[in-house]
Amino acid sequence: MIIRVKDWETLTSIRVPWHFKLEELFMWICERKDDVLITCGYEDRSYPSVHSVLPLRGLDIRSRIYMDPGKLCSQINAAWSYDPVRPLKPCALYHNTGRGNHIHLQVCTETTKI
């Protein structure tokens, strides 16, 4: 298993406390993938976001290193429930919010392995 970080700024952004559920989800992914590259962790944002709370509840990972990033998200969401009360909210999204396609990971205290 290889865990990489995009650059120095990203390394700094993940040197914050992680929510224990994010740690569990991230390790679950690392156990199944040979290579994981973190592209975004904590960010001070002016709007509510899992990237802007402590402990950290959101991470972005590079999607283009996987043959089918959408399939990886489907596998994550089949194995993890973000919140039983919000069954349509996923733990993994493959999207582009203006910074390029990536896999966005998010958790809350109610996140569970199915």
PDB file of N, CA and C in Angstrom:
ATOM      1  N   MET A   1       0.841  -1.169   0.000  1.00  0.00           N
ATOM      2  CA  MET A   1       0.000   0.000   0.000  1.00  0.00           C
ATOM      3  C   MET A   1       0.893   1.240   0.000  1.00  0.00           C
ATOM      4  N   ILE A   2       0.525   2.198  -0.831  1.00  0.00           N
ATOM      5  CA  ILE A   2       1.223   3.471  -0.890  1.00  0.00           C
ATOM      6  C   ILE A   2       0.202   4.575  -0.626  1.00  0.00           C
ATOM      7  N   ILE A   3       0.510   5.441   0.315  1.00  0.00           N
ATOM      8  CA  ILE A   3      -0.315   6.618   0.566  1.00  0.00           C
ATOM      9  C   ILE A   3       0.537   7.819   0.181  1.00  0.00           C
ATOM     10  N   ARG A   4       0.026   8.593  -0.773  1.00  0.00           N
ATOM     11  CA  ARG A   4       0.753   9.776  -1.229  1.00  0.00           C
ATOM     12  C   ARG A   4      -0.072  11.025  -0.930  1.00  0.00           C
ATOM     13  N   VAL A   5       0.610  12.149  -0.919  1.00  0.00           N
ATOM     14  CA  VAL A   5      -0.031  13.446  -0.715  1.00  0.00           C
ATOM     15  C   VAL A   5       0.406  14.340  -1.867  1.00  0.00           C
ATOM     16  N   LYS A   6      -0.546  15.086  -2.431  1.00  0.00           N
ATOM     17  CA  LYS A   6      -0.325  15.872  -3.645  1.00  0.00           C
ATOM     18  C   LYS A   6       0.856  16.828  -3.522  1.00  0.00           C
ATOM     19  N   ASP A   7       0.922  17.599  -2.465  1.00  0.00           N
ATOM     20  CA  ASP A   7       1.987  18.595  -2.314  1.00  0.00           C
ATOM     21  C   ASP A   7       2.106  19.009  -0.848  1.00  0.00           C
ATOM     22  N   TRP A   8       3.020  19.932  -0.586  1.00  0.00           N
ATOM     23  CA  TRP A   8       3.283  20.371   0.786  1.00  0.00           C
ATOM     24  C   TRP A   8       2.035  20.991   1.416  1.00  0.00           C
ATOM     25  N   GLU A   9       1.295  21.794   0.663  1.00  0.00           N
ATOM     26  CA  GLU A   9       0.083  22.432   1.172  1.00  0.00           C
ATOM     27  C   GLU A   9      -0.945  21.375   1.589  1.00  0.00           C
ATOM     28  N   THR A  10      -1.080  20.331   0.791  1.00  0.00           N
ATOM     29  CA  THR A  10      -2.016  19.261   1.122  1.00  0.00           C
ATOM     30  C   THR A  10      -1.546  18.509   2.364  1.00  0.00           C
ATOM     31  N   LEU A  11      -0.248  18.268   2.463  1.00  0.00           N
ATOM     32  CA  LEU A  11       0.280  17.610   3.661  1.00  0.00           C
ATOM     33  C   LEU A  11      -0.073  18.420   4.900  1.00  0.00           C
ATOM     34  N   THR A  12       0.098  19.725   4.826  1.00  0.00           N
ATOM     35  CA  THR A  12      -0.264  20.600   5.943  1.00  0.00           C
ATOM     36  C   THR A  12      -1.758  20.499   6.245  1.00  0.00           C
ATOM     37  N   SER A  13      -2.576  20.366   5.198  1.00  0.00           N
ATOM     38  CA  SER A  13      -4.033  20.335   5.383  1.00  0.00           C
ATOM     39  C   SER A  13      -4.533  19.046   6.031  1.00  0.00           C
ATOM     40  N   ILE A  14      -3.715  18.007   6.051  1.00  0.00           N
ATOM     41  CA  ILE A  14      -4.153  16.761   6.702  1.00  0.00           C
ATOM     42  C   ILE A  14      -3.482  16.563   8.058  1.00  0.00           C
ATOM     43  N   ARG A  15      -2.647  17.516   8.458  1.00  0.00           N
ATOM     44  CA  ARG A  15      -1.987  17.431   9.764  1.00  0.00           C
ATOM     45  C   ARG A  15      -2.849  18.057  10.842  1.00  0.00           C
ATOM     46  N   VAL A  16      -4.114  17.701  10.824  1.00  0.00           N
ATOM     47  CA  VAL A  16      -5.103  18.134  11.817  1.00  0.00           C
ATOM     48  C   VAL A  16      -5.747  16.870  12.370  1.00  0.00           C
ATOM     49  N   PRO A  17      -6.445  16.966  13.487  1.00  0.00           N
ATOM     50  CA  PRO A  17      -7.140  15.771  13.990  1.00  0.00           C
ATOM     51  C   PRO A  17      -8.210  15.302  12.993  1.00  0.00           C
ATOM     52  N   TRP A  18      -8.245  14.001  12.764  1.00  0.00           N
ATOM     53  CA  TRP A  18      -9.247  13.394  11.882  1.00  0.00           C
ATOM     54  C   TRP A  18     -10.362  12.806  12.736  1.00  0.00           C
ATOM     55  N   HIS A  19     -11.579  12.890  12.238  1.00  0.00           N
ATOM     56  CA  HIS A  19     -12.696  12.197  12.877  1.00  0.00           C
ATOM     57  C   HIS A  19     -12.396  10.701  12.811  1.00  0.00           C
ATOM     58  N   PHE A  20     -12.673   9.972  13.870  1.00  0.00           N
ATOM     59  CA  PHE A  20     -12.333   8.547  13.903  1.00  0.00           C
ATOM     60  C   PHE A  20     -13.031   7.768  12.794  1.00  0.00           C
ATOM     61  N   LYS A  21     -14.208   8.210  12.359  1.00  0.00           N
ATOM     62  CA  LYS A  21     -14.895   7.520  11.258  1.00  0.00           C
ATOM     63  C   LYS A  21     -14.171   7.760   9.937  1.00  0.00           C
ATOM     64  N   LEU A  22     -13.590   8.942   9.746  1.00  0.00           N
ATOM     65  CA  LEU A  22     -12.813   9.217   8.535  1.00  0.00           C
ATOM     66  C   LEU A  22     -11.562   8.346   8.528  1.00  0.00           C
ATOM     67  N   GLU A  23     -10.929   8.187   9.668  1.00  0.00           N
ATOM     68  CA  GLU A  23      -9.764   7.293   9.766  1.00  0.00           C
ATOM     69  C   GLU A  23     -10.147   5.871   9.358  1.00  0.00           C
ATOM     70  N   GLU A  24     -11.282   5.385   9.873  1.00  0.00           N
ATOM     71  CA  GLU A  24     -11.728   4.025   9.553  1.00  0.00           C
ATOM     72  C   GLU A  24     -12.018   3.869   8.062  1.00  0.00           C
ATOM     73  N   LEU A  25     -12.731   4.821   7.485  1.00  0.00           N
ATOM     74  CA  LEU A  25     -13.055   4.765   6.058  1.00  0.00           C
ATOM     75  C   LEU A  25     -11.789   4.830   5.213  1.00  0.00           C
ATOM     76  N   PHE A  26     -10.889   5.726   5.547  1.00  0.00           N
ATOM     77  CA  PHE A  26      -9.654   5.868   4.777  1.00  0.00           C
ATOM     78  C   PHE A  26      -8.816   4.590   4.838  1.00  0.00           C
ATOM     79  N   MET A  27      -8.701   3.993   6.013  1.00  0.00           N
ATOM     80  CA  MET A  27      -7.932   2.756   6.136  1.00  0.00           C
ATOM     81  C   MET A  27      -8.602   1.617   5.368  1.00  0.00           C
ATOM     82  N   TRP A  28      -9.928   1.575   5.351  1.00  0.00           N
ATOM     83  CA  TRP A  28     -10.661   0.570   4.583  1.00  0.00           C
ATOM     84  C   TRP A  28     -10.298   0.691   3.099  1.00  0.00           C
ATOM     85  N   ILE A  29     -10.236   1.915   2.595  1.00  0.00           N
ATOM     86  CA  ILE A  29      -9.855   2.134   1.193  1.00  0.00           C
ATOM     87  C   ILE A  29      -8.407   1.711   0.965  1.00  0.00           C
ATOM     88  N   CYS A  30      -7.525   2.105   1.865  1.00  0.00           N
ATOM     89  CA  CYS A  30      -6.103   1.774   1.722  1.00  0.00           C
ATOM     90  C   CYS A  30      -5.853   0.271   1.744  1.00  0.00           C
ATOM     91  N   GLU A  31      -6.655  -0.472   2.468  1.00  0.00           N
ATOM     92  CA  GLU A  31      -6.527  -1.928   2.497  1.00  0.00           C
ATOM     93  C   GLU A  31      -6.916  -2.560   1.172  1.00  0.00           C
ATOM     94  N   ARG A  32      -7.666  -1.847   0.347  1.00  0.00           N
ATOM     95  CA  ARG A  32      -8.178  -2.399  -0.917  1.00  0.00           C
ATOM     96  C   ARG A  32      -7.500  -1.828  -2.156  1.00  0.00           C
ATOM     97  N   LYS A  33      -6.793  -0.740  -2.014  1.00  0.00           N
ATOM     98  CA  LYS A  33      -6.141  -0.084  -3.149  1.00  0.00           C
ATOM     99  C   LYS A  33      -4.645  -0.005  -2.903  1.00  0.00           C
ATOM    100  N   ASP A  34      -3.870  -0.275  -3.947  1.00  0.00           N
ATOM    101  CA  ASP A  34      -2.418  -0.229  -3.820  1.00  0.00           C
ATOM    102  C   ASP A  34      -1.897   1.192  -3.668  1.00  0.00           C
ATOM    103  N   ASP A  35      -2.646   2.155  -4.171  1.00  0.00           N
ATOM    104  CA  ASP A  35      -2.167   3.528  -4.225  1.00  0.00           C
ATOM    105  C   ASP A  35      -3.325   4.479  -3.922  1.00  0.00           C
ATOM    106  N   VAL A  36      -3.116   5.378  -2.972  1.00  0.00           N
ATOM    107  CA  VAL A  36      -4.100   6.408  -2.644  1.00  0.00           C
ATOM    108  C   VAL A  36      -3.347   7.733  -2.576  1.00  0.00           C
ATOM    109  N   LEU A  37      -3.855   8.738  -3.287  1.00  0.00           N
ATOM    110  CA  LEU A  37      -3.221  10.050  -3.293  1.00  0.00           C
ATOM    111  C   LEU A  37      -4.210  11.079  -2.765  1.00  0.00           C
ATOM    112  N   ILE A  38      -3.900  11.675  -1.626  1.00  0.00           N
ATOM    113  CA  ILE A  38      -4.763  12.688  -1.013  1.00  0.00           C
ATOM    114  C   ILE A  38      -4.505  14.024  -1.701  1.00  0.00           C
ATOM    115  N   THR A  39      -5.597  14.680  -2.117  1.00  0.00           N
ATOM    116  CA  THR A  39      -5.466  15.970  -2.798  1.00  0.00           C
ATOM    117  C   THR A  39      -6.014  17.134  -1.986  1.00  0.00           C
ATOM    118  N   CYS A  40      -6.803  16.865  -0.956  1.00  0.00           N
ATOM    119  CA  CYS A  40      -7.356  17.949  -0.133  1.00  0.00           C
ATOM    120  C   CYS A  40      -7.800  17.401   1.212  1.00  0.00           C
ATOM    121  N   GLY A  41      -7.495  18.128   2.258  1.00  0.00           N
ATOM    122  CA  GLY A  41      -7.945  17.785   3.599  1.00  0.00           C
ATOM    123  C   GLY A  41      -8.692  18.950   4.197  1.00  0.00           C
ATOM    124  N   TYR A  42      -8.140  19.537   5.254  1.00  0.00           N
ATOM    125  CA  TYR A  42      -8.779  20.660   5.928  1.00  0.00           C
ATOM    126  C   TYR A  42      -8.607  21.935   5.110  1.00  0.00           C
ATOM    127  N   GLU A  43      -9.687  22.694   5.021  1.00  0.00           N
ATOM    128  CA  GLU A  43      -9.643  24.014   4.393  1.00  0.00           C
ATOM    129  C   GLU A  43     -10.534  24.952   5.195  1.00  0.00           C
ATOM    130  N   ASP A  44     -10.039  26.145   5.460  1.00  0.00           N
ATOM    131  CA  ASP A  44     -10.826  27.162   6.144  1.00  0.00           C
ATOM    132  C   ASP A  44     -11.777  27.767   5.123  1.00  0.00           C
ATOM    133  N   ARG A  45     -13.039  27.415   5.216  1.00  0.00           N
ATOM    134  CA  ARG A  45     -14.036  27.863   4.237  1.00  0.00           C
ATOM    135  C   ARG A  45     -15.059  28.770   4.893  1.00  0.00           C
ATOM    136  N   SER A  46     -15.647  29.631   4.088  1.00  0.00           N
ATOM    137  CA  SER A  46     -16.646  30.577   4.601  1.00  0.00           C
ATOM    138  C   SER A  46     -18.040  29.966   4.654  1.00  0.00           C
ATOM    139  N   TYR A  47     -18.184  28.723   4.220  1.00  0.00           N
ATOM    140  CA  TYR A  47     -19.466  28.039   4.217  1.00  0.00           C
ATOM    141  C   TYR A  47     -19.289  26.682   4.898  1.00  0.00           C
ATOM    142  N   PRO A  48     -20.362  26.101   5.412  1.00  0.00           N
ATOM    143  CA  PRO A  48     -20.247  24.811   6.106  1.00  0.00           C
ATOM    144  C   PRO A  48     -19.751  23.711   5.166  1.00  0.00           C
ATOM    145  N   SER A  49     -18.777  22.956   5.635  1.00  0.00           N
ATOM    146  CA  SER A  49     -18.190  21.895   4.815  1.00  0.00           C
ATOM    147  C   SER A  49     -17.505  20.881   5.715  1.00  0.00           C
ATOM    148  N   VAL A  50     -17.500  19.621   5.284  1.00  0.00           N
ATOM    149  CA  VAL A  50     -16.764  18.589   6.031  1.00  0.00           C
ATOM    150  C   VAL A  50     -15.259  18.834   5.943  1.00  0.00           C
ATOM    151  N   HIS A  51     -14.835  19.709   5.020  1.00  0.00           N
ATOM    152  CA  HIS A  51     -13.416  20.082   4.910  1.00  0.00           C
ATOM    153  C   HIS A  51     -13.042  21.184   5.900  1.00  0.00           C
ATOM    154  N   SER A  52     -14.031  21.799   6.558  1.00  0.00           N
ATOM    155  CA  SER A  52     -13.725  22.960   7.404  1.00  0.00           C
ATOM    156  C   SER A  52     -14.109  22.762   8.867  1.00  0.00           C
ATOM    157  N   VAL A  53     -14.266  21.521   9.288  1.00  0.00           N
ATOM    158  CA  VAL A  53     -14.568  21.250  10.695  1.00  0.00           C
ATOM    159  C   VAL A  53     -13.456  20.398  11.296  1.00  0.00           C
ATOM    160  N   LEU A  54     -13.311  20.523  12.595  1.00  0.00           N
ATOM    161  CA  LEU A  54     -12.369  19.688  13.330  1.00  0.00           C
ATOM    162  C   LEU A  54     -13.147  18.925  14.390  1.00  0.00           C
ATOM    163  N   PRO A  55     -12.917  17.641  14.529  1.00  0.00           N
ATOM    164  CA  PRO A  55     -11.983  16.860  13.725  1.00  0.00           C
ATOM    165  C   PRO A  55     -12.447  16.769  12.264  1.00  0.00           C
ATOM    166  N   LEU A  56     -11.470  16.627  11.396  1.00  0.00           N
ATOM    167  CA  LEU A  56     -11.702  16.601   9.951  1.00  0.00           C
ATOM    168  C   LEU A  56     -12.651  15.468   9.567  1.00  0.00           C
ATOM    169  N   ARG A  57     -13.675  15.805   8.761  1.00  0.00           N
ATOM    170  CA  ARG A  57     -14.650  14.809   8.333  1.00  0.00           C
ATOM    171  C   ARG A  57     -14.684  14.636   6.825  1.00  0.00           C
ATOM    172  N   GLY A  58     -13.801  15.315   6.090  1.00  0.00           N
ATOM    173  CA  GLY A  58     -13.800  15.190   4.633  1.00  0.00           C
ATOM    174  C   GLY A  58     -12.406  15.177   4.047  1.00  0.00           C
ATOM    175  N   LEU A  59     -12.208  14.342   3.043  1.00  0.00           N
ATOM    176  CA  LEU A  59     -10.941  14.231   2.314  1.00  0.00           C
ATOM    177  C   LEU A  59     -11.255  14.101   0.838  1.00  0.00           C
ATOM    178  N   ASP A  60     -10.355  14.588   0.006  1.00  0.00           N
ATOM    179  CA  ASP A  60     -10.447  14.338  -1.430  1.00  0.00           C
ATOM    180  C   ASP A  60      -9.265  13.476  -1.832  1.00  0.00           C
ATOM    181  N   ILE A  61      -9.518  12.515  -2.709  1.00  0.00           N
ATOM    182  CA  ILE A  61      -8.430  11.696  -3.236  1.00  0.00           C
ATOM    183  C   ILE A  61      -8.454  11.738  -4.760  1.00  0.00           C
ATOM    184  N   ARG A  62      -7.298  11.576  -5.343  1.00  0.00           N
ATOM    185  CA  ARG A  62      -7.161  11.626  -6.796  1.00  0.00           C
ATOM    186  C   ARG A  62      -7.935  10.485  -7.431  1.00  0.00           C
ATOM    187  N   SER A  63      -8.717  10.802  -8.438  1.00  0.00           N
ATOM    188  CA  SER A  63      -9.554   9.794  -9.094  1.00  0.00           C
ATOM    189  C   SER A  63      -8.903   9.207 -10.338  1.00  0.00           C
ATOM    190  N   ARG A  64      -8.080   9.978 -11.032  1.00  0.00           N
ATOM    191  CA  ARG A  64      -7.556   9.517 -12.320  1.00  0.00           C
ATOM    192  C   ARG A  64      -6.548   8.376 -12.207  1.00  0.00           C
ATOM    193  N   ILE A  65      -6.151   8.022 -10.995  1.00  0.00           N
ATOM    194  CA  ILE A  65      -5.230   6.891 -10.845  1.00  0.00           C
ATOM    195  C   ILE A  65      -5.978   5.555 -10.823  1.00  0.00           C
ATOM    196  N   TYR A  66      -7.315   5.621 -10.872  1.00  0.00           N
ATOM    197  CA  TYR A  66      -8.125   4.404 -10.873  1.00  0.00           C
ATOM    198  C   TYR A  66      -8.794   4.223 -12.230  1.00  0.00           C
ATOM    199  N   MET A  67      -8.884   2.972 -12.683  1.00  0.00           N
ATOM    200  CA  MET A  67      -9.509   2.667 -13.968  1.00  0.00           C
ATOM    201  C   MET A  67     -10.953   3.156 -14.018  1.00  0.00           C
ATOM    202  N   ASP A  68     -11.692   2.965 -12.918  1.00  0.00           N
ATOM    203  CA  ASP A  68     -13.097   3.335 -12.875  1.00  0.00           C
ATOM    204  C   ASP A  68     -13.408   3.964 -11.519  1.00  0.00           C
ATOM    205  N   PRO A  69     -13.171   5.279 -11.376  1.00  0.00           N
ATOM    206  CA  PRO A  69     -13.406   5.923 -10.086  1.00  0.00           C
ATOM    207  C   PRO A  69     -14.861   5.867  -9.630  1.00  0.00           C
ATOM    208  N   GLY A  70     -15.786   5.882 -10.572  1.00  0.00           N
ATOM    209  CA  GLY A  70     -17.194   5.758 -10.213  1.00  0.00           C
ATOM    210  C   GLY A  70     -17.492   4.425  -9.559  1.00  0.00           C
ATOM    211  N   LYS A  71     -16.847   3.374 -10.062  1.00  0.00           N
ATOM    212  CA  LYS A  71     -17.023   2.040  -9.484  1.00  0.00           C
ATOM    213  C   LYS A  71     -16.461   1.993  -8.061  1.00  0.00           C
ATOM    214  N   LEU A  72     -15.314   2.628  -7.855  1.00  0.00           N
ATOM    215  CA  LEU A  72     -14.745   2.673  -6.513  1.00  0.00           C
ATOM    216  C   LEU A  72     -15.708   3.372  -5.556  1.00  0.00           C
ATOM    217  N   CYS A  73     -16.292   4.481  -5.976  1.00  0.00           N
ATOM    218  CA  CYS A  73     -17.279   5.172  -5.134  1.00  0.00           C
ATOM    219  C   CYS A  73     -18.475   4.269  -4.838  1.00  0.00           C
ATOM    220  N   SER A  74     -18.931   3.540  -5.840  1.00  0.00           N
ATOM    221  CA  SER A  74     -20.057   2.613  -5.633  1.00  0.00           C
ATOM    222  C   SER A  74     -19.692   1.537  -4.615  1.00  0.00           C
ATOM    223  N   GLN A  75     -18.462   1.028  -4.685  1.00  0.00           N
ATOM    224  CA  GLN A  75     -18.019   0.019  -3.736  1.00  0.00           C
ATOM    225  C   GLN A  75     -17.963   0.590  -2.313  1.00  0.00           C
ATOM    226  N   ILE A  76     -17.464   1.810  -2.204  1.00  0.00           N
ATOM    227  CA  ILE A  76     -17.407   2.453  -0.883  1.00  0.00           C
ATOM    228  C   ILE A  76     -18.817   2.632  -0.337  1.00  0.00           C
ATOM    229  N   ASN A  77     -19.706   3.159  -1.161  1.00  0.00           N
ATOM    230  CA  ASN A  77     -21.073   3.437  -0.703  1.00  0.00           C
ATOM    231  C   ASN A  77     -21.880   2.165  -0.446  1.00  0.00           C
ATOM    232  N   ALA A  78     -21.506   1.061  -1.074  1.00  0.00           N
ATOM    233  CA  ALA A  78     -22.166  -0.218  -0.794  1.00  0.00           C
ATOM    234  C   ALA A  78     -21.707  -0.796   0.541  1.00  0.00           C
ATOM    235  N   ALA A  79     -20.511  -0.391   0.973  1.00  0.00           N
ATOM    236  CA  ALA A  79     -19.945  -0.924   2.212  1.00  0.00           C
ATOM    237  C   ALA A  79     -20.097   0.014   3.406  1.00  0.00           C
ATOM    238  N   TRP A  80     -20.365   1.273   3.139  1.00  0.00           N
ATOM    239  CA  TRP A  80     -20.440   2.279   4.196  1.00  0.00           C
ATOM    240  C   TRP A  80     -21.735   3.079   4.091  1.00  0.00           C
ATOM    241  N   SER A  81     -22.352   3.343   5.222  1.00  0.00           N
ATOM    242  CA  SER A  81     -23.543   4.189   5.293  1.00  0.00           C
ATOM    243  C   SER A  81     -23.158   5.504   5.959  1.00  0.00           C
ATOM    244  N   TYR A  82     -23.398   6.614   5.270  1.00  0.00           N
ATOM    245  CA  TYR A  82     -23.075   7.926   5.840  1.00  0.00           C
ATOM    246  C   TYR A  82     -23.874   8.161   7.119  1.00  0.00           C
ATOM    247  N   ASP A  83     -25.178   7.913   7.039  1.00  0.00           N
ATOM    248  CA  ASP A  83     -26.049   8.144   8.183  1.00  0.00           C
ATOM    249  C   ASP A  83     -27.375   7.432   7.913  1.00  0.00           C
ATOM    250  N   PRO A  84     -27.782   6.509   8.766  1.00  0.00           N
ATOM    251  CA  PRO A  84     -29.050   5.795   8.542  1.00  0.00           C
ATOM    252  C   PRO A  84     -30.258   6.727   8.391  1.00  0.00           C
ATOM    253  N   VAL A  85     -30.216   7.883   9.025  1.00  0.00           N
ATOM    254  CA  VAL A  85     -31.318   8.837   8.930  1.00  0.00           C
ATOM    255  C   VAL A  85     -31.314   9.550   7.572  1.00  0.00           C
ATOM    256  N   ARG A  86     -30.137   9.603   6.933  1.00  0.00           N
ATOM    257  CA  ARG A  86     -29.999  10.241   5.615  1.00  0.00           C
ATOM    258  C   ARG A  86     -29.433   9.207   4.626  1.00  0.00           C
ATOM    259  N   PRO A  87     -30.248   8.214   4.254  1.00  0.00           N
ATOM    260  CA  PRO A  87     -29.748   7.105   3.439  1.00  0.00           C
ATOM    261  C   PRO A  87     -29.290   7.509   2.036  1.00  0.00           C
ATOM    262  N   LEU A  88     -29.719   8.643   1.527  1.00  0.00           N
ATOM    263  CA  LEU A  88     -29.315   9.064   0.189  1.00  0.00           C
ATOM    264  C   LEU A  88     -27.996   9.835   0.183  1.00  0.00           C
ATOM    265  N   LYS A  89     -27.499  10.182   1.344  1.00  0.00           N
ATOM    266  CA  LYS A  89     -26.228  10.912   1.428  1.00  0.00           C
ATOM    267  C   LYS A  89     -25.081   9.898   1.397  1.00  0.00           C
ATOM    268  N   PRO A  90     -24.191   9.980   0.411  1.00  0.00           N
ATOM    269  CA  PRO A  90     -23.122   8.989   0.273  1.00  0.00           C
ATOM    270  C   PRO A  90     -21.859   9.350   1.058  1.00  0.00           C
ATOM    271  N   CYS A  91     -21.044   8.363   1.308  1.00  0.00           N
ATOM    272  CA  CYS A  91     -19.720   8.579   1.898  1.00  0.00           C
ATOM    273  C   CYS A  91     -18.698   8.944   0.826  1.00  0.00           C
ATOM    274  N   ALA A  92     -18.953   8.556  -0.419  1.00  0.00           N
ATOM    275  CA  ALA A  92     -18.019   8.824  -1.515  1.00  0.00           C
ATOM    276  C   ALA A  92     -18.759   9.400  -2.713  1.00  0.00           C
ATOM    277  N   LEU A  93     -18.198  10.469  -3.247  1.00  0.00           N
ATOM    278  CA  LEU A  93     -18.751  11.109  -4.442  1.00  0.00           C
ATOM    279  C   LEU A  93     -17.633  11.266  -5.466  1.00  0.00           C
ATOM    280  N   TYR A  94     -17.923  10.973  -6.713  1.00  0.00           N
ATOM    281  CA  TYR A  94     -16.994  11.258  -7.802  1.00  0.00           C
ATOM    282  C   TYR A  94     -17.547  12.487  -8.498  1.00  0.00           C
ATOM    283  N   HIS A  95     -16.853  13.619  -8.340  1.00  0.00           N
ATOM    284  CA  HIS A  95     -17.387  14.847  -8.897  1.00  0.00           C
ATOM    285  C   HIS A  95     -16.286  15.860  -9.206  1.00  0.00           C
ATOM    286  N   ASN A  96     -16.719  16.986  -9.750  1.00  0.00           N
ATOM    287  CA  ASN A  96     -15.832  18.100 -10.061  1.00  0.00           C
ATOM    288  C   ASN A  96     -16.506  19.356  -9.536  1.00  0.00           C
ATOM    289  N   THR A  97     -15.872  20.002  -8.582  1.00  0.00           N
ATOM    290  CA  THR A  97     -16.430  21.229  -8.015  1.00  0.00           C
ATOM    291  C   THR A  97     -15.618  22.447  -8.464  1.00  0.00           C
ATOM    292  N   GLY A  98     -14.985  22.323  -9.624  1.00  0.00           N
ATOM    293  CA  GLY A  98     -14.196  23.428 -10.151  1.00  0.00           C
ATOM    294  C   GLY A  98     -12.694  23.222 -10.051  1.00  0.00           C
ATOM    295  N   ARG A  99     -12.276  22.172  -9.382  1.00  0.00           N
ATOM    296  CA  ARG A  99     -10.842  21.872  -9.238  1.00  0.00           C
ATOM    297  C   ARG A  99     -10.454  20.596  -9.975  1.00  0.00           C
ATOM    298  N   GLY A 100     -11.339  20.094 -10.794  1.00  0.00           N
ATOM    299  CA  GLY A 100     -11.083  18.854 -11.517  1.00  0.00           C
ATOM    300  C   GLY A 100     -11.785  17.685 -10.857  1.00  0.00           C
ATOM    301  N   ASN A 101     -11.943  16.621 -11.615  1.00  0.00           N
ATOM    302  CA  ASN A 101     -12.585  15.415 -11.086  1.00  0.00           C
ATOM    303  C   ASN A 101     -11.763  14.838  -9.948  1.00  0.00           C
ATOM    304  N   HIS A 102     -12.460  14.383  -8.918  1.00  0.00           N
ATOM    305  CA  HIS A 102     -11.808  13.755  -7.777  1.00  0.00           C
ATOM    306  C   HIS A 102     -12.853  12.942  -7.017  1.00  0.00           C
ATOM    307  N   ILE A 103     -12.372  12.125  -6.079  1.00  0.00           N
ATOM    308  CA  ILE A 103     -13.265  11.383  -5.197  1.00  0.00           C
ATOM    309  C   ILE A 103     -13.295  12.119  -3.871  1.00  0.00           C
ATOM    310  N   HIS A 104     -14.486  12.513  -3.484  1.00  0.00           N
ATOM    311  CA  HIS A 104     -14.698  13.218  -2.223  1.00  0.00           C
ATOM    312  C   HIS A 104     -15.205  12.202  -1.201  1.00  0.00           C
ATOM    313  N   LEU A 105     -14.540  12.138  -0.060  1.00  0.00           N
ATOM    314  CA  LEU A 105     -14.945  11.253   1.035  1.00  0.00           C
ATOM    315  C   LEU A 105     -15.499  12.097   2.166  1.00  0.00           C
ATOM    316  N   GLN A 106     -16.590  11.648   2.761  1.00  0.00           N
ATOM    317  CA  GLN A 106     -17.190  12.400   3.861  1.00  0.00           C
ATOM    318  C   GLN A 106     -17.816  11.452   4.867  1.00  0.00           C
ATOM    319  N   VAL A 107     -17.736  11.846   6.137  1.00  0.00           N
ATOM    320  CA  VAL A 107     -18.297  11.038   7.225  1.00  0.00           C
ATOM    321  C   VAL A 107     -18.977  11.948   8.228  1.00  0.00           C
ATOM    322  N   CYS A 108     -19.771  11.326   9.082  1.00  0.00           N
ATOM    323  CA  CYS A 108     -20.333  11.985  10.262  1.00  0.00           C
ATOM    324  C   CYS A 108     -20.226  10.990  11.412  1.00  0.00           C
ATOM    325  N   THR A 109     -20.643  11.380  12.572  1.00  0.00           N
ATOM    326  CA  THR A 109     -20.555  10.492  13.729  1.00  0.00           C
ATOM    327  C   THR A 109     -21.378   9.224  13.544  1.00  0.00           C
ATOM    328  N   GLU A 110     -22.447   9.305  12.758  1.00  0.00           N
ATOM    329  CA  GLU A 110     -23.319   8.148  12.539  1.00  0.00           C
ATOM    330  C   GLU A 110     -22.863   7.234  11.402  1.00  0.00           C
ATOM    331  N   THR A 111     -21.792   7.589  10.709  1.00  0.00           N
ATOM    332  CA  THR A 111     -21.284   6.751   9.619  1.00  0.00           C
ATOM    333  C   THR A 111     -20.935   5.368  10.149  1.00  0.00           C
ATOM    334  N   THR A 112     -21.357   4.331   9.403  1.00  0.00           N
ATOM    335  CA  THR A 112     -21.080   2.970   9.843  1.00  0.00           C
ATOM    336  C   THR A 112     -20.689   2.096   8.663  1.00  0.00           C
ATOM    337  N   LYS A 113     -19.890   1.106   8.966  1.00  0.00           N
ATOM    338  CA  LYS A 113     -19.579   0.051   7.994  1.00  0.00           C
ATOM    339  C   LYS A 113     -20.787  -0.862   7.942  1.00  0.00           C
ATOM    340  N   ILE A 114     -21.281  -1.150   6.756  1.00  0.00           N
ATOM    341  CA  ILE A 114     -22.484  -1.967   6.608  1.00  0.00           C
ATOM    342  C   ILE A 114     -22.134  -3.444   6.743  1.00  0.00           C
TER     343      ILE A 114
END
